[in-house]
Amino acid sequence: MGRKKAEIYDRTWLEKARLERGLTQTSVAKAAGVNNSDYNRIERGLQEPRVKAGIRICEFLKLNPRSFLSEKPIG
């Protein structure tokens, strides 16, 4: 059997929330306890955050954690 194709999500909402608050990816990554490259992949929709990291991201950006749970893959 072949590998399952990775799902990609539209996370423009996450980038928009970060930019509206004048924050860098580095500051959000640090608050969430993830490294910069992982946060970049999360924001671009290429990686799912772990539960704790997703909650921390949402708390830091003042977003509802359900934002991640309600996503649907694109494509």
Protein backbone atom coordinates (compact mmCIF):
# COMPACT_ATOMS: atom_id res chain seq x y z
CA MET A 1 0.00 0.00 0.00
CA GLY A 2 1.12 3.55 -0.73
CA ARG A 3 1.43 6.32 1.81
CA LYS A 4 -1.59 8.46 2.50
CA LYS A 5 -1.30 11.86 0.84
CA ALA A 6 -0.66 14.58 3.40
CA GLU A 7 -3.64 16.84 3.94
CA ILE A 8 -3.17 20.58 3.51
CA TYR A 9 -5.29 23.17 5.30
CA ASP A 10 -6.08 26.78 4.50
CA ARG A 11 -4.72 28.58 7.54
CA THR A 12 -4.92 32.13 6.23
CA TRP A 13 -7.07 32.79 9.31
CA LEU A 14 -4.10 31.96 11.53
CA GLU A 15 -1.64 34.15 9.65
CA LYS A 16 -4.18 36.99 9.57
CA ALA A 17 -4.73 36.80 13.34
CA ARG A 18 -0.98 36.88 13.96
CA LEU A 19 -0.38 39.81 11.62
CA GLU A 20 -3.33 41.79 13.00
CA ARG A 21 -1.65 41.61 16.39
CA GLY A 22 1.72 42.64 14.98
CA LEU A 23 3.37 39.39 16.04
CA THR A 24 6.11 37.36 14.41
CA GLN A 25 6.01 33.63 13.79
CA THR A 26 8.92 33.36 16.24
CA SER A 27 6.95 34.98 19.07
CA VAL A 28 3.94 32.70 18.51
CA ALA A 29 6.17 29.64 18.23
CA LYS A 30 7.88 30.51 21.51
CA ALA A 31 4.53 31.05 23.28
CA ALA A 32 3.26 27.72 21.93
CA GLY A 33 6.41 25.82 22.88
CA VAL A 34 7.24 24.74 19.33
CA ASN A 35 10.23 25.51 17.15
CA ASN A 36 10.04 28.10 14.39
CA SER A 37 9.99 25.63 11.52
CA ASP A 38 7.14 23.64 13.07
CA TYR A 39 5.10 26.79 13.63
CA ASN A 40 5.76 27.88 10.05
CA ARG A 41 4.44 24.53 8.80
CA ILE A 42 1.41 24.79 11.11
CA GLU A 43 0.58 28.28 9.86
CA ARG A 44 0.99 27.23 6.21
CA GLY A 45 -1.40 24.32 6.79
CA LEU A 46 1.21 21.63 6.19
CA GLN A 47 1.33 20.29 9.75
CA GLU A 48 -1.22 19.67 12.46
CA PRO A 49 -0.33 21.14 15.84
CA ARG A 50 -0.28 18.86 18.84
CA VAL A 51 -3.25 19.52 21.11
CA LYS A 52 -1.33 21.50 23.73
CA ALA A 53 0.47 23.57 21.09
CA GLY A 54 -2.81 24.29 19.27
CA ILE A 55 -4.41 25.46 22.50
CA ARG A 56 -1.41 27.64 23.36
CA ILE A 57 -1.40 29.19 19.87
CA CYS A 58 -5.09 30.03 20.17
CA GLU A 59 -4.72 31.40 23.69
CA PHE A 60 -1.79 33.58 22.65
CA LEU A 61 -3.64 34.91 19.59
CA LYS A 62 -6.97 35.15 21.46
CA LEU A 63 -8.67 32.69 19.12
CA ASN A 64 -11.16 29.94 19.81
CA PRO A 65 -9.34 26.57 19.88
CA ARG A 66 -12.17 25.15 17.80
CA SER A 67 -10.62 27.04 14.89
CA PHE A 68 -8.29 24.07 14.36
CA LEU A 69 -10.99 21.47 14.99
CA SER A 70 -13.40 22.91 12.43
CA GLU A 71 -10.90 22.89 9.56
CA LYS A 72 -11.40 20.92 6.40
CA PRO A 73 -8.53 19.93 4.09
CA ILE A 74 -8.23 21.81 0.81
CA GLY A 75 -7.89 20.10 -2.53
